[in-house]
Amino acid sequence: MELEARRKVIIDCDPGIDDALALMLAVRSPELDILGITIVSGNIEAMQCYWNAKKVLALMDREDIPVHLGSRAPLYTPLETAEDTHGDDGLGGLGATLAYKPPVDTTAVDFILETLEREEAGTVSIIAIGPLTNVAAARKQAPETLARVQEMVSMGGAFRCSGNVSPVAEFNYWVDPDAARDVLTGLKCPLTMVGLDVTWPVVFTPLHAGLLSQFDDPLADFIVGMMRFYTDFHWKEQHILGSVINDPVAVAYFIDRSLCCGTDYPVTVVTGGEARGMSLVDARYYPEKRPNCRVLTQVDADGVLAFVLTRLFPEWEEDITECIKINGKRGAWTHE
């Protein structure tokens, strides 16, 4: 069977443990032509995110993919990071050591705009798995250029579930709510919100980690070590014995639309007050309110886990499938 044409993508991210796993998935997916990776502050400060992305690409033997440092602070609010979730280095103690010299090549915003100008209109998509600061800055600088984007998939927001950084807000949109509001309400291309409704159920458990530890593979060992910190955080904060892997869901969905489904709604983002970062989804039917975003609400959680792990370790597909089947019967163990 002949593979369809690879889709050109820019991945905008803030690595971050689950961002790192998402980058690994993207690199191992032949459907994607990764034109570049752009970095934004979020989980940790952008400079550390930059070197973490470089470390992940080196681990994957894909140092040919360019990485561009982007916005180091949100548009209007002070930066608040998540070292408690991801560790001081962003990768649970396995992050990159900061290089002496910072990157001096094209900035993330310039790279996004130059790439969209260079490539044919409607052929480049953006997978955004961090705060939307870079995308909003690019739209502000050259809205007509950003209008050339084919599609954007954004990991962020929450609709029918609670938030993960406040009762109503998901972390990426909470970090820079002004950017999220600007992008969701102003971008004209097809836009999908991959929110907590579909990421909460996707849990990497100690059973999955135990299987990976049997592979005798440096990548598997790196993932197990990285996820250990993440699992400890989830247990202490949420009493979940496992790790919610948010960002890989966005990459998996971009590649395989059968893994999630949702509905088109008008969506905006609250920029201040106690509801800061809340994705305000209007599920009422008013014909004059045109939907601007596809909001995902259902997910094949086992299917996503199988997709991610078998892409990374295809030679272990049978064992991974059996492990996920067993884990699905047990569920993610929680303490009430």
C-alpha atoms as a PDB file:
ATOM      1  CA  MET A   1       0.000   0.000   0.000  1.00  0.00           C
ATOM      2  CA  GLU A   2       1.480   3.320  -1.075  1.00  0.00           C
ATOM      3  CA  LEU A   3       1.827   5.915   1.677  1.00  0.00           C
ATOM      4  CA  GLU A   4      -0.120   9.131   1.139  1.00  0.00           C
ATOM      5  CA  ALA A   5       1.808  12.379   0.757  1.00  0.00           C
ATOM      6  CA  ARG A   6       3.406  13.417   4.032  1.00  0.00           C
ATOM      7  CA  ARG A   7       1.764  16.406   5.702  1.00  0.00           C
ATOM      8  CA  LYS A   8       4.026  19.385   6.329  1.00  0.00           C
ATOM      9  CA  VAL A   9       3.908  20.486   9.949  1.00  0.00           C
ATOM     10  CA  ILE A  10       5.476  22.892  12.413  1.00  0.00           C
ATOM     11  CA  ILE A  11       5.365  21.649  15.999  1.00  0.00           C
ATOM     12  CA  ASP A  12       5.123  24.421  18.582  1.00  0.00           C
ATOM     13  CA  CYS A  13       5.956  23.127  22.062  1.00  0.00           C
ATOM     14  CA  ASP A  14       7.403  23.583  25.563  1.00  0.00           C
ATOM     15  CA  PRO A  15       9.215  20.318  26.475  1.00  0.00           C
ATOM     16  CA  GLY A  16       8.065  19.222  29.194  1.00  0.00           C
ATOM     17  CA  ILE A  17       7.683  15.485  29.760  1.00  0.00           C
ATOM     18  CA  ASP A  18       4.579  14.888  27.682  1.00  0.00           C
ATOM     19  CA  ASP A  19       5.870  17.272  24.986  1.00  0.00           C
ATOM     20  CA  ALA A  20       9.002  15.131  24.740  1.00  0.00           C
ATOM     21  CA  LEU A  21       6.873  12.017  24.273  1.00  0.00           C
ATOM     22  CA  ALA A  22       4.818  13.834  21.636  1.00  0.00           C
ATOM     23  CA  LEU A  23       7.984  14.843  19.753  1.00  0.00           C
ATOM     24  CA  MET A  24       9.173  11.227  19.814  1.00  0.00           C
ATOM     25  CA  LEU A  25       5.847  10.126  18.347  1.00  0.00           C
ATOM     26  CA  ALA A  26       5.947  12.794  15.640  1.00  0.00           C
ATOM     27  CA  VAL A  27       9.496  11.887  14.629  1.00  0.00           C
ATOM     28  CA  ARG A  28       8.565   8.212  14.338  1.00  0.00           C
ATOM     29  CA  SER A  29       5.460   8.897  12.227  1.00  0.00           C
ATOM     30  CA  PRO A  30       6.094   8.672   8.474  1.00  0.00           C
ATOM     31  CA  GLU A  31       2.910  10.642   7.751  1.00  0.00           C
ATOM     32  CA  LEU A  32       4.570  13.835   9.002  1.00  0.00           C
ATOM     33  CA  ASP A  33       7.135  16.038   7.295  1.00  0.00           C
ATOM     34  CA  ILE A  34       8.376  18.069  10.264  1.00  0.00           C
ATOM     35  CA  LEU A  35       9.616  21.357   8.835  1.00  0.00           C
ATOM     36  CA  GLY A  36      10.729  22.646  12.217  1.00  0.00           C
ATOM     37  CA  ILE A  37      10.094  22.800  15.938  1.00  0.00           C
ATOM     38  CA  THR A  38       9.331  26.119  17.600  1.00  0.00           C
ATOM     39  CA  ILE A  39       9.772  26.655  21.321  1.00  0.00           C
ATOM     40  CA  VAL A  40       7.683  28.615  23.791  1.00  0.00           C
ATOM     41  CA  SER A  41       7.872  29.113  27.548  1.00  0.00           C
ATOM     42  CA  GLY A  42       5.304  27.076  29.437  1.00  0.00           C
ATOM     43  CA  ASN A  43       6.110  23.971  31.391  1.00  0.00           C
ATOM     44  CA  ILE A  44       9.492  25.576  32.019  1.00  0.00           C
ATOM     45  CA  GLU A  45      11.336  28.589  30.646  1.00  0.00           C
ATOM     46  CA  ALA A  46      11.895  28.550  26.893  1.00  0.00           C
ATOM     47  CA  MET A  47      15.694  28.255  26.954  1.00  0.00           C
ATOM     48  CA  GLN A  48      15.513  24.967  28.873  1.00  0.00           C
ATOM     49  CA  CYS A  49      12.701  23.823  26.567  1.00  0.00           C
ATOM     50  CA  TYR A  50      14.934  24.575  23.574  1.00  0.00           C
ATOM     51  CA  TRP A  51      17.781  22.382  24.773  1.00  0.00           C
ATOM     52  CA  ASN A  52      15.357  19.660  25.863  1.00  0.00           C
ATOM     53  CA  ALA A  53      13.961  19.547  22.333  1.00  0.00           C
ATOM     54  CA  LYS A  54      17.504  19.306  20.961  1.00  0.00           C
ATOM     55  CA  LYS A  55      18.220  16.454  23.376  1.00  0.00           C
ATOM     56  CA  VAL A  56      15.124  14.538  22.316  1.00  0.00           C
ATOM     57  CA  LEU A  57      16.004  14.940  18.630  1.00  0.00           C
ATOM     58  CA  ALA A  58      19.551  13.728  19.306  1.00  0.00           C
ATOM     59  CA  LEU A  59      18.146  10.697  21.103  1.00  0.00           C
ATOM     60  CA  MET A  60      15.951  10.016  18.072  1.00  0.00           C
ATOM     61  CA  ASP A  61      18.858  10.578  15.644  1.00  0.00           C
ATOM     62  CA  ARG A  62      16.940  13.451  14.001  1.00  0.00           C
ATOM     63  CA  GLU A  63      19.193  16.425  14.608  1.00  0.00           C
ATOM     64  CA  ASP A  64      18.441  17.501  11.028  1.00  0.00           C
ATOM     65  CA  ILE A  65      15.110  18.962  12.205  1.00  0.00           C
ATOM     66  CA  PRO A  66      15.619  22.667  13.018  1.00  0.00           C
ATOM     67  CA  VAL A  67      14.623  24.030  16.434  1.00  0.00           C
ATOM     68  CA  HIS A  68      13.850  27.733  16.924  1.00  0.00           C
ATOM     69  CA  LEU A  69      13.656  29.560  20.225  1.00  0.00           C
ATOM     70  CA  GLY A  70      10.470  31.572  20.647  1.00  0.00           C
ATOM     71  CA  SER A  71       8.547  33.626  23.168  1.00  0.00           C
ATOM     72  CA  ARG A  72      10.046  33.558  26.640  1.00  0.00           C
ATOM     73  CA  ALA A  73       7.045  35.148  28.352  1.00  0.00           C
ATOM     74  CA  PRO A  74       3.276  35.320  27.759  1.00  0.00           C
ATOM     75  CA  LEU A  75       1.798  38.287  25.902  1.00  0.00           C
ATOM     76  CA  TYR A  76       0.622  40.249  28.940  1.00  0.00           C
ATOM     77  CA  THR A  77       0.813  38.079  32.067  1.00  0.00           C
ATOM     78  CA  PRO A  78       3.865  37.012  34.103  1.00  0.00           C
ATOM     79  CA  LEU A  79       5.209  33.569  33.252  1.00  0.00           C
ATOM     80  CA  GLU A  80       4.263  30.802  35.688  1.00  0.00           C
ATOM     81  CA  THR A  81       5.908  27.456  35.007  1.00  0.00           C
ATOM     82  CA  ALA A  82       5.329  23.886  36.214  1.00  0.00           C
ATOM     83  CA  GLU A  83       8.562  22.519  37.657  1.00  0.00           C
ATOM     84  CA  ASP A  84       6.491  20.645  40.241  1.00  0.00           C
ATOM     85  CA  THR A  85       4.991  18.648  37.376  1.00  0.00           C
ATOM     86  CA  HIS A  86       8.005  18.244  35.095  1.00  0.00           C
ATOM     87  CA  GLY A  87      11.059  18.784  37.319  1.00  0.00           C
ATOM     88  CA  ASP A  88      13.480  21.687  37.459  1.00  0.00           C
ATOM     89  CA  ASP A  89      14.938  20.651  34.089  1.00  0.00           C
ATOM     90  CA  GLY A  90      11.567  19.887  32.497  1.00  0.00           C
ATOM     91  CA  LEU A  91      12.221  16.196  31.882  1.00  0.00           C
ATOM     92  CA  GLY A  92      12.077  14.736  35.375  1.00  0.00           C
ATOM     93  CA  GLY A  93      15.817  14.935  35.971  1.00  0.00           C
ATOM     94  CA  LEU A  94      16.783  13.731  32.476  1.00  0.00           C
ATOM     95  CA  GLY A  95      16.636  17.129  30.783  1.00  0.00           C
ATOM     96  CA  ALA A  96      19.399  18.771  28.819  1.00  0.00           C
ATOM     97  CA  THR A  97      22.235  20.690  30.411  1.00  0.00           C
ATOM     98  CA  LEU A  98      21.984  24.273  29.267  1.00  0.00           C
ATOM     99  CA  ALA A  99      24.646  25.086  26.718  1.00  0.00           C
ATOM    100  CA  TYR A 100      26.953  28.040  27.346  1.00  0.00           C
ATOM    101  CA  LYS A 101      25.831  29.873  24.235  1.00  0.00           C
ATOM    102  CA  PRO A 102      22.117  30.443  23.539  1.00  0.00           C
ATOM    103  CA  PRO A 103      20.714  29.697  20.076  1.00  0.00           C
ATOM    104  CA  VAL A 104      21.217  32.590  17.666  1.00  0.00           C
ATOM    105  CA  ASP A 105      19.330  31.434  14.574  1.00  0.00           C
ATOM    106  CA  THR A 106      15.906  32.519  13.325  1.00  0.00           C
ATOM    107  CA  THR A 107      13.336  33.159  16.040  1.00  0.00           C
ATOM    108  CA  ALA A 108      10.287  30.927  16.272  1.00  0.00           C
ATOM    109  CA  VAL A 109       7.907  33.631  15.075  1.00  0.00           C
ATOM    110  CA  ASP A 110      10.100  34.502  12.090  1.00  0.00           C
ATOM    111  CA  PHE A 111      10.486  30.825  11.241  1.00  0.00           C
ATOM    112  CA  ILE A 112       6.723  30.282  11.285  1.00  0.00           C
ATOM    113  CA  LEU A 113       6.094  33.268   9.021  1.00  0.00           C
ATOM    114  CA  GLU A 114       9.018  32.583   6.655  1.00  0.00           C
ATOM    115  CA  THR A 115       7.949  28.944   6.294  1.00  0.00           C
ATOM    116  CA  LEU A 116       4.357  29.894   5.519  1.00  0.00           C
ATOM    117  CA  GLU A 117       5.548  32.437   2.937  1.00  0.00           C
ATOM    118  CA  ARG A 118       7.906  29.942   1.320  1.00  0.00           C
ATOM    119  CA  GLU A 119       5.551  26.979   1.111  1.00  0.00           C
ATOM    120  CA  GLU A 120       2.415  26.901  -0.996  1.00  0.00           C
ATOM    121  CA  ALA A 121      -0.584  28.358   0.833  1.00  0.00           C
ATOM    122  CA  GLY A 122      -2.688  25.726   2.565  1.00  0.00           C
ATOM    123  CA  THR A 123       0.043  23.085   2.722  1.00  0.00           C
ATOM    124  CA  VAL A 124       1.559  23.679   6.195  1.00  0.00           C
ATOM    125  CA  SER A 125      -0.202  22.858   9.451  1.00  0.00           C
ATOM    126  CA  ILE A 126       0.699  23.702  13.041  1.00  0.00           C
ATOM    127  CA  ILE A 127       0.512  21.246  15.921  1.00  0.00           C
ATOM    128  CA  ALA A 128       0.612  23.447  19.022  1.00  0.00           C
ATOM    129  CA  ILE A 129       1.170  21.540  22.273  1.00  0.00           C
ATOM    130  CA  GLY A 130       2.203  24.435  24.501  1.00  0.00           C
ATOM    131  CA  PRO A 131       0.898  27.927  25.258  1.00  0.00           C
ATOM    132  CA  LEU A 132      -0.114  29.742  22.077  1.00  0.00           C
ATOM    133  CA  THR A 133       2.184  32.753  22.527  1.00  0.00           C
ATOM    134  CA  ASN A 134       4.268  32.138  19.387  1.00  0.00           C
ATOM    135  CA  VAL A 135       1.221  31.627  17.182  1.00  0.00           C
ATOM    136  CA  ALA A 136      -0.502  34.741  18.536  1.00  0.00           C
ATOM    137  CA  ALA A 137       2.675  36.797  18.037  1.00  0.00           C
ATOM    138  CA  ALA A 138       2.959  35.569  14.445  1.00  0.00           C
ATOM    139  CA  ARG A 139      -0.686  36.438  13.804  1.00  0.00           C
ATOM    140  CA  LYS A 140      -0.198  39.915  15.249  1.00  0.00           C
ATOM    141  CA  GLN A 141       2.915  40.503  13.130  1.00  0.00           C
ATOM    142  CA  ALA A 142       1.532  39.190   9.831  1.00  0.00           C
ATOM    143  CA  PRO A 143      -2.099  38.039   9.965  1.00  0.00           C
ATOM    144  CA  GLU A 144      -2.283  37.557   6.203  1.00  0.00           C
ATOM    145  CA  THR A 145       0.684  35.189   6.332  1.00  0.00           C
ATOM    146  CA  LEU A 146      -0.693  33.141   9.211  1.00  0.00           C
ATOM    147  CA  ALA A 147      -3.900  32.813   7.218  1.00  0.00           C
ATOM    148  CA  ARG A 148      -1.917  30.509   4.891  1.00  0.00           C
ATOM    149  CA  VAL A 149      -1.962  27.747   7.547  1.00  0.00           C
ATOM    150  CA  GLN A 150      -3.774  24.641   6.380  1.00  0.00           C
ATOM    151  CA  GLU A 151      -4.943  23.541   9.838  1.00  0.00           C
ATOM    152  CA  MET A 152      -4.038  23.934  13.486  1.00  0.00           C
ATOM    153  CA  VAL A 153      -4.437  21.360  16.230  1.00  0.00           C
ATOM    154  CA  SER A 154      -4.036  22.817  19.724  1.00  0.00           C
ATOM    155  CA  MET A 155      -3.562  20.787  22.888  1.00  0.00           C
ATOM    156  CA  GLY A 156      -5.381  22.920  25.416  1.00  0.00           C
ATOM    157  CA  GLY A 157      -8.643  23.759  27.061  1.00  0.00           C
ATOM    158  CA  ALA A 158     -11.376  21.805  28.803  1.00  0.00           C
ATOM    159  CA  PHE A 159     -15.083  21.598  28.057  1.00  0.00           C
ATOM    160  CA  ARG A 160     -17.114  19.064  30.044  1.00  0.00           C
ATOM    161  CA  CYS A 161     -14.456  18.336  32.644  1.00  0.00           C
ATOM    162  CA  SER A 162     -12.556  20.290  35.279  1.00  0.00           C
ATOM    163  CA  GLY A 163      -9.264  22.024  34.655  1.00  0.00           C
ATOM    164  CA  ASN A 164      -5.843  20.854  35.778  1.00  0.00           C
ATOM    165  CA  VAL A 165      -4.439  24.171  37.037  1.00  0.00           C
ATOM    166  CA  SER A 166      -7.683  25.677  38.359  1.00  0.00           C
ATOM    167  CA  PRO A 167     -11.228  24.366  38.655  1.00  0.00           C
ATOM    168  CA  VAL A 168     -11.952  25.484  35.083  1.00  0.00           C
ATOM    169  CA  ALA A 169      -8.637  26.017  33.257  1.00  0.00           C
ATOM    170  CA  GLU A 170      -6.173  23.762  31.468  1.00  0.00           C
ATOM    171  CA  PHE A 171      -2.504  24.706  31.877  1.00  0.00           C
ATOM    172  CA  ASN A 172      -1.554  25.780  28.319  1.00  0.00           C
ATOM    173  CA  TYR A 173      -4.454  28.221  27.964  1.00  0.00           C
ATOM    174  CA  TRP A 174      -4.032  29.411  31.569  1.00  0.00           C
ATOM    175  CA  VAL A 175      -0.344  30.289  31.059  1.00  0.00           C
ATOM    176  CA  ASP A 176      -1.171  32.694  28.229  1.00  0.00           C
ATOM    177  CA  PRO A 177      -4.934  33.208  28.067  1.00  0.00           C
ATOM    178  CA  ASP A 178      -4.625  36.298  25.864  1.00  0.00           C
ATOM    179  CA  ALA A 179      -2.747  34.329  23.227  1.00  0.00           C
ATOM    180  CA  ALA A 180      -5.229  31.463  23.412  1.00  0.00           C
ATOM    181  CA  ARG A 181      -8.164  33.839  23.018  1.00  0.00           C
ATOM    182  CA  ASP A 182      -6.513  35.623  20.088  1.00  0.00           C
ATOM    183  CA  VAL A 183      -5.712  32.414  18.224  1.00  0.00           C
ATOM    184  CA  LEU A 184      -9.002  30.620  18.839  1.00  0.00           C
ATOM    185  CA  THR A 185     -11.134  33.615  17.868  1.00  0.00           C
ATOM    186  CA  GLY A 186      -8.906  35.062  15.141  1.00  0.00           C
ATOM    187  CA  LEU A 187      -7.348  32.187  13.195  1.00  0.00           C
ATOM    188  CA  LYS A 188      -9.325  31.455  10.036  1.00  0.00           C
ATOM    189  CA  CYS A 189      -8.088  27.960   9.236  1.00  0.00           C
ATOM    190  CA  PRO A 190      -9.717  24.775  10.591  1.00  0.00           C
ATOM    191  CA  LEU A 191      -8.852  24.585  14.293  1.00  0.00           C
ATOM    192  CA  THR A 192      -9.201  21.679  16.721  1.00  0.00           C
ATOM    193  CA  MET A 193      -9.072  21.922  20.501  1.00  0.00           C
ATOM    194  CA  VAL A 194      -7.598  18.759  21.980  1.00  0.00           C
ATOM    195  CA  GLY A 195      -8.598  19.407  25.566  1.00  0.00           C
ATOM    196  CA  LEU A 196      -8.612  17.582  28.868  1.00  0.00           C
ATOM    197  CA  ASP A 197     -11.882  15.869  27.910  1.00  0.00           C
ATOM    198  CA  VAL A 198      -9.860  13.559  25.677  1.00  0.00           C
ATOM    199  CA  THR A 199      -6.459  13.615  27.395  1.00  0.00           C
ATOM    200  CA  TRP A 200      -7.490  12.796  30.990  1.00  0.00           C
ATOM    201  CA  PRO A 201      -8.423   9.190  30.041  1.00  0.00           C
ATOM    202  CA  VAL A 202      -5.049   8.480  28.378  1.00  0.00           C
ATOM    203  CA  VAL A 203      -2.916   7.257  31.277  1.00  0.00           C
ATOM    204  CA  PHE A 204       0.566   5.732  31.052  1.00  0.00           C
ATOM    205  CA  THR A 205       0.645   3.384  34.059  1.00  0.00           C
ATOM    206  CA  PRO A 206       3.398   1.493  35.923  1.00  0.00           C
ATOM    207  CA  LEU A 207       2.331  -1.591  33.969  1.00  0.00           C
ATOM    208  CA  HIS A 208       3.263   0.147  30.721  1.00  0.00           C
ATOM    209  CA  ALA A 209       6.529   1.333  32.280  1.00  0.00           C
ATOM    210  CA  GLY A 210       7.277  -2.200  33.439  1.00  0.00           C
ATOM    211  CA  LEU A 211       6.867  -3.493  29.897  1.00  0.00           C
ATOM    212  CA  LEU A 212       9.112  -0.801  28.411  1.00  0.00           C
ATOM    213  CA  SER A 213      11.796  -1.576  30.970  1.00  0.00           C
ATOM    214  CA  GLN A 214      12.052  -5.076  29.452  1.00  0.00           C
ATOM    215  CA  PHE A 215      12.913  -3.797  25.983  1.00  0.00           C
ATOM    216  CA  ASP A 216      16.650  -3.214  26.552  1.00  0.00           C
ATOM    217  CA  ASP A 217      16.339  -0.055  24.472  1.00  0.00           C
ATOM    218  CA  PRO A 218      17.890   3.358  25.312  1.00  0.00           C
ATOM    219  CA  LEU A 219      14.734   5.171  24.181  1.00  0.00           C
ATOM    220  CA  ALA A 220      12.539   2.952  26.355  1.00  0.00           C
ATOM    221  CA  ASP A 221      14.855   3.499  29.337  1.00  0.00           C
ATOM    222  CA  PHE A 222      14.714   7.262  28.797  1.00  0.00           C
ATOM    223  CA  ILE A 223      10.911   7.242  28.697  1.00  0.00           C
ATOM    224  CA  VAL A 224      10.638   5.069  31.821  1.00  0.00           C
ATOM    225  CA  GLY A 225      13.016   7.347  33.726  1.00  0.00           C
ATOM    226  CA  MET A 226      11.255  10.490  32.566  1.00  0.00           C
ATOM    227  CA  MET A 227       7.797   9.161  33.362  1.00  0.00           C
ATOM    228  CA  ARG A 228       8.807   8.128  36.884  1.00  0.00           C
ATOM    229  CA  PHE A 229       8.889  11.774  37.962  1.00  0.00           C
ATOM    230  CA  TYR A 230       5.590  12.430  36.178  1.00  0.00           C
ATOM    231  CA  THR A 231       3.915   9.469  37.891  1.00  0.00           C
ATOM    232  CA  ASP A 232       5.142  10.609  41.304  1.00  0.00           C
ATOM    233  CA  PHE A 233       3.577  14.024  40.642  1.00  0.00           C
ATOM    234  CA  HIS A 234       0.237  12.537  39.586  1.00  0.00           C
ATOM    235  CA  TRP A 235       0.132  10.362  42.684  1.00  0.00           C
ATOM    236  CA  LYS A 236       0.926  13.203  45.090  1.00  0.00           C
ATOM    237  CA  GLU A 237      -1.426  15.706  43.473  1.00  0.00           C
ATOM    238  CA  GLN A 238      -4.261  13.640  42.027  1.00  0.00           C
ATOM    239  CA  HIS A 239      -3.925  10.170  43.603  1.00  0.00           C
ATOM    240  CA  ILE A 240      -3.539   8.582  40.181  1.00  0.00           C
ATOM    241  CA  LEU A 241      -1.010   5.771  39.887  1.00  0.00           C
ATOM    242  CA  GLY A 242       0.000   6.665  36.359  1.00  0.00           C
ATOM    243  CA  SER A 243       0.643   9.677  34.161  1.00  0.00           C
ATOM    244  CA  VAL A 244      -1.829  11.557  31.975  1.00  0.00           C
ATOM    245  CA  ILE A 245      -0.024  12.046  28.647  1.00  0.00           C
ATOM    246  CA  ASN A 246      -1.733  15.099  27.198  1.00  0.00           C
ATOM    247  CA  ASP A 247       0.398  16.203  24.252  1.00  0.00           C
ATOM    248  CA  PRO A 248       0.831  12.879  22.422  1.00  0.00           C
ATOM    249  CA  VAL A 249      -2.960  12.778  22.056  1.00  0.00           C
ATOM    250  CA  ALA A 250      -2.820  15.888  19.855  1.00  0.00           C
ATOM    251  CA  VAL A 251      -0.140  14.396  17.602  1.00  0.00           C
ATOM    252  CA  ALA A 252      -1.903  11.036  17.424  1.00  0.00           C
ATOM    253  CA  TYR A 253      -5.203  12.722  16.509  1.00  0.00           C
ATOM    254  CA  PHE A 254      -3.548  14.836  13.822  1.00  0.00           C
ATOM    255  CA  ILE A 255      -2.351  11.631  12.181  1.00  0.00           C
ATOM    256  CA  ASP A 256      -5.357   9.374  12.834  1.00  0.00           C
ATOM    257  CA  ARG A 257      -8.747  11.110  13.163  1.00  0.00           C
ATOM    258  CA  SER A 258     -10.464   7.884  14.211  1.00  0.00           C
ATOM    259  CA  LEU A 259      -8.861   8.119  17.676  1.00  0.00           C
ATOM    260  CA  CYS A 260     -11.001  11.074  18.835  1.00  0.00           C
ATOM    261  CA  CYS A 261     -14.210  12.776  17.840  1.00  0.00           C
ATOM    262  CA  GLY A 262     -16.003  15.979  18.729  1.00  0.00           C
ATOM    263  CA  THR A 263     -18.264  18.795  17.594  1.00  0.00           C
ATOM    264  CA  ASP A 264     -17.790  22.257  16.144  1.00  0.00           C
ATOM    265  CA  TYR A 265     -18.621  25.063  18.592  1.00  0.00           C
ATOM    266  CA  PRO A 266     -18.036  28.773  19.100  1.00  0.00           C
ATOM    267  CA  VAL A 267     -15.139  28.960  21.578  1.00  0.00           C
ATOM    268  CA  THR A 268     -13.330  31.777  23.318  1.00  0.00           C
ATOM    269  CA  VAL A 269     -10.986  31.969  26.328  1.00  0.00           C
ATOM    270  CA  VAL A 270     -11.407  33.927  29.555  1.00  0.00           C
ATOM    271  CA  THR A 271      -8.369  36.174  30.033  1.00  0.00           C
ATOM    272  CA  GLY A 272      -8.619  37.236  33.668  1.00  0.00           C
ATOM    273  CA  GLY A 273     -10.131  36.735  37.087  1.00  0.00           C
ATOM    274  CA  GLU A 274     -10.842  33.436  38.818  1.00  0.00           C
ATOM    275  CA  ALA A 275     -11.822  31.849  35.500  1.00  0.00           C
ATOM    276  CA  ARG A 276      -8.554  32.864  33.767  1.00  0.00           C
ATOM    277  CA  GLY A 277      -7.691  30.403  31.012  1.00  0.00           C
ATOM    278  CA  MET A 278     -11.116  28.797  30.872  1.00  0.00           C
ATOM    279  CA  SER A 279     -12.090  27.684  27.384  1.00  0.00           C
ATOM    280  CA  LEU A 280     -15.628  29.015  27.085  1.00  0.00           C
ATOM    281  CA  VAL A 281     -17.446  26.613  24.773  1.00  0.00           C
ATOM    282  CA  ASP A 282     -20.906  27.761  23.682  1.00  0.00           C
ATOM    283  CA  ALA A 283     -22.892  24.560  23.190  1.00  0.00           C
ATOM    284  CA  ARG A 284     -26.187  26.420  22.717  1.00  0.00           C
ATOM    285  CA  TYR A 285     -27.644  26.558  19.232  1.00  0.00           C
ATOM    286  CA  TYR A 286     -27.729  30.081  17.862  1.00  0.00           C
ATOM    287  CA  PRO A 287     -27.468  30.196  14.052  1.00  0.00           C
ATOM    288  CA  GLU A 288     -25.804  33.621  14.169  1.00  0.00           C
ATOM    289  CA  LYS A 289     -22.950  32.239  16.282  1.00  0.00           C
ATOM    290  CA  ARG A 290     -20.662  30.508  13.836  1.00  0.00           C
ATOM    291  CA  PRO A 291     -18.442  27.718  15.213  1.00  0.00           C
ATOM    292  CA  ASN A 292     -14.740  28.537  15.134  1.00  0.00           C
ATOM    293  CA  CYS A 293     -13.314  25.384  16.670  1.00  0.00           C
ATOM    294  CA  ARG A 294     -13.769  21.627  16.682  1.00  0.00           C
ATOM    295  CA  VAL A 295     -13.878  20.578  20.335  1.00  0.00           C
ATOM    296  CA  LEU A 296     -12.914  16.959  20.947  1.00  0.00           C
ATOM    297  CA  THR A 297     -15.038  15.192  23.545  1.00  0.00           C
ATOM    298  CA  GLN A 298     -14.537  11.445  23.018  1.00  0.00           C
ATOM    299  CA  VAL A 299     -11.365   9.387  22.811  1.00  0.00           C
ATOM    300  CA  ASP A 300     -10.296   5.807  22.270  1.00  0.00           C
ATOM    301  CA  ALA A 301      -7.827   5.915  25.165  1.00  0.00           C
ATOM    302  CA  ASP A 302      -6.453   2.417  24.634  1.00  0.00           C
ATOM    303  CA  GLY A 303      -6.181   3.143  20.932  1.00  0.00           C
ATOM    304  CA  VAL A 304      -4.107   6.254  21.580  1.00  0.00           C
ATOM    305  CA  LEU A 305      -1.756   4.392  23.933  1.00  0.00           C
ATOM    306  CA  ALA A 306      -1.352   1.591  21.423  1.00  0.00           C
ATOM    307  CA  PHE A 307      -0.739   4.109  18.641  1.00  0.00           C
ATOM    308  CA  VAL A 308       1.955   5.955  20.607  1.00  0.00           C
ATOM    309  CA  LEU A 309       3.816   2.939  21.975  1.00  0.00           C
ATOM    310  CA  THR A 310       3.750   0.834  18.811  1.00  0.00           C
ATOM    311  CA  ARG A 311       5.008   3.771  16.750  1.00  0.00           C
ATOM    312  CA  LEU A 312       7.957   4.081  19.132  1.00  0.00           C
ATOM    313  CA  PHE A 313       8.587   0.336  19.476  1.00  0.00           C
ATOM    314  CA  PRO A 314       7.024  -1.427  16.460  1.00  0.00           C
ATOM    315  CA  GLU A 315       8.973  -4.622  17.046  1.00  0.00           C
ATOM    316  CA  TRP A 316       7.135  -5.046  20.367  1.00  0.00           C
ATOM    317  CA  GLU A 317       3.641  -4.459  18.980  1.00  0.00           C
ATOM    318  CA  GLU A 318       2.189  -7.797  20.119  1.00  0.00           C
ATOM    319  CA  ASP A 319       3.425  -7.353  23.694  1.00  0.00           C
ATOM    320  CA  ILE A 320       2.260  -3.725  23.809  1.00  0.00           C
ATOM    321  CA  THR A 321      -1.216  -4.693  22.600  1.00  0.00           C
ATOM    322  CA  GLU A 322      -1.511  -7.398  25.260  1.00  0.00           C
ATOM    323  CA  CYS A 323      -0.224  -5.082  27.974  1.00  0.00           C
ATOM    324  CA  ILE A 324      -2.767  -2.401  27.096  1.00  0.00           C
ATOM    325  CA  LYS A 325      -5.540  -4.996  27.062  1.00  0.00           C
ATOM    326  CA  ILE A 326      -4.580  -6.198  30.553  1.00  0.00           C
ATOM    327  CA  ASN A 327      -4.192  -2.663  31.869  1.00  0.00           C
ATOM    328  CA  GLY A 328      -7.574  -1.704  30.429  1.00  0.00           C
ATOM    329  CA  LYS A 329      -9.229  -4.370  32.562  1.00  0.00           C
ATOM    330  CA  ARG A 330      -7.509  -3.038  35.685  1.00  0.00           C
ATOM    331  CA  GLY A 331      -7.792   0.673  34.952  1.00  0.00           C
ATOM    332  CA  ALA A 332      -5.580   3.405  36.375  1.00  0.00           C
ATOM    333  CA  TRP A 333      -5.501   2.738  40.111  1.00  0.00           C
ATOM    334  CA  THR A 334      -6.692   5.703  42.146  1.00  0.00           C
ATOM    335  CA  HIS A 335      -6.748   6.357  45.877  1.00  0.00           C
ATOM    336  CA  GLU A 336      -9.937   7.910  47.260  1.00  0.00           C
END
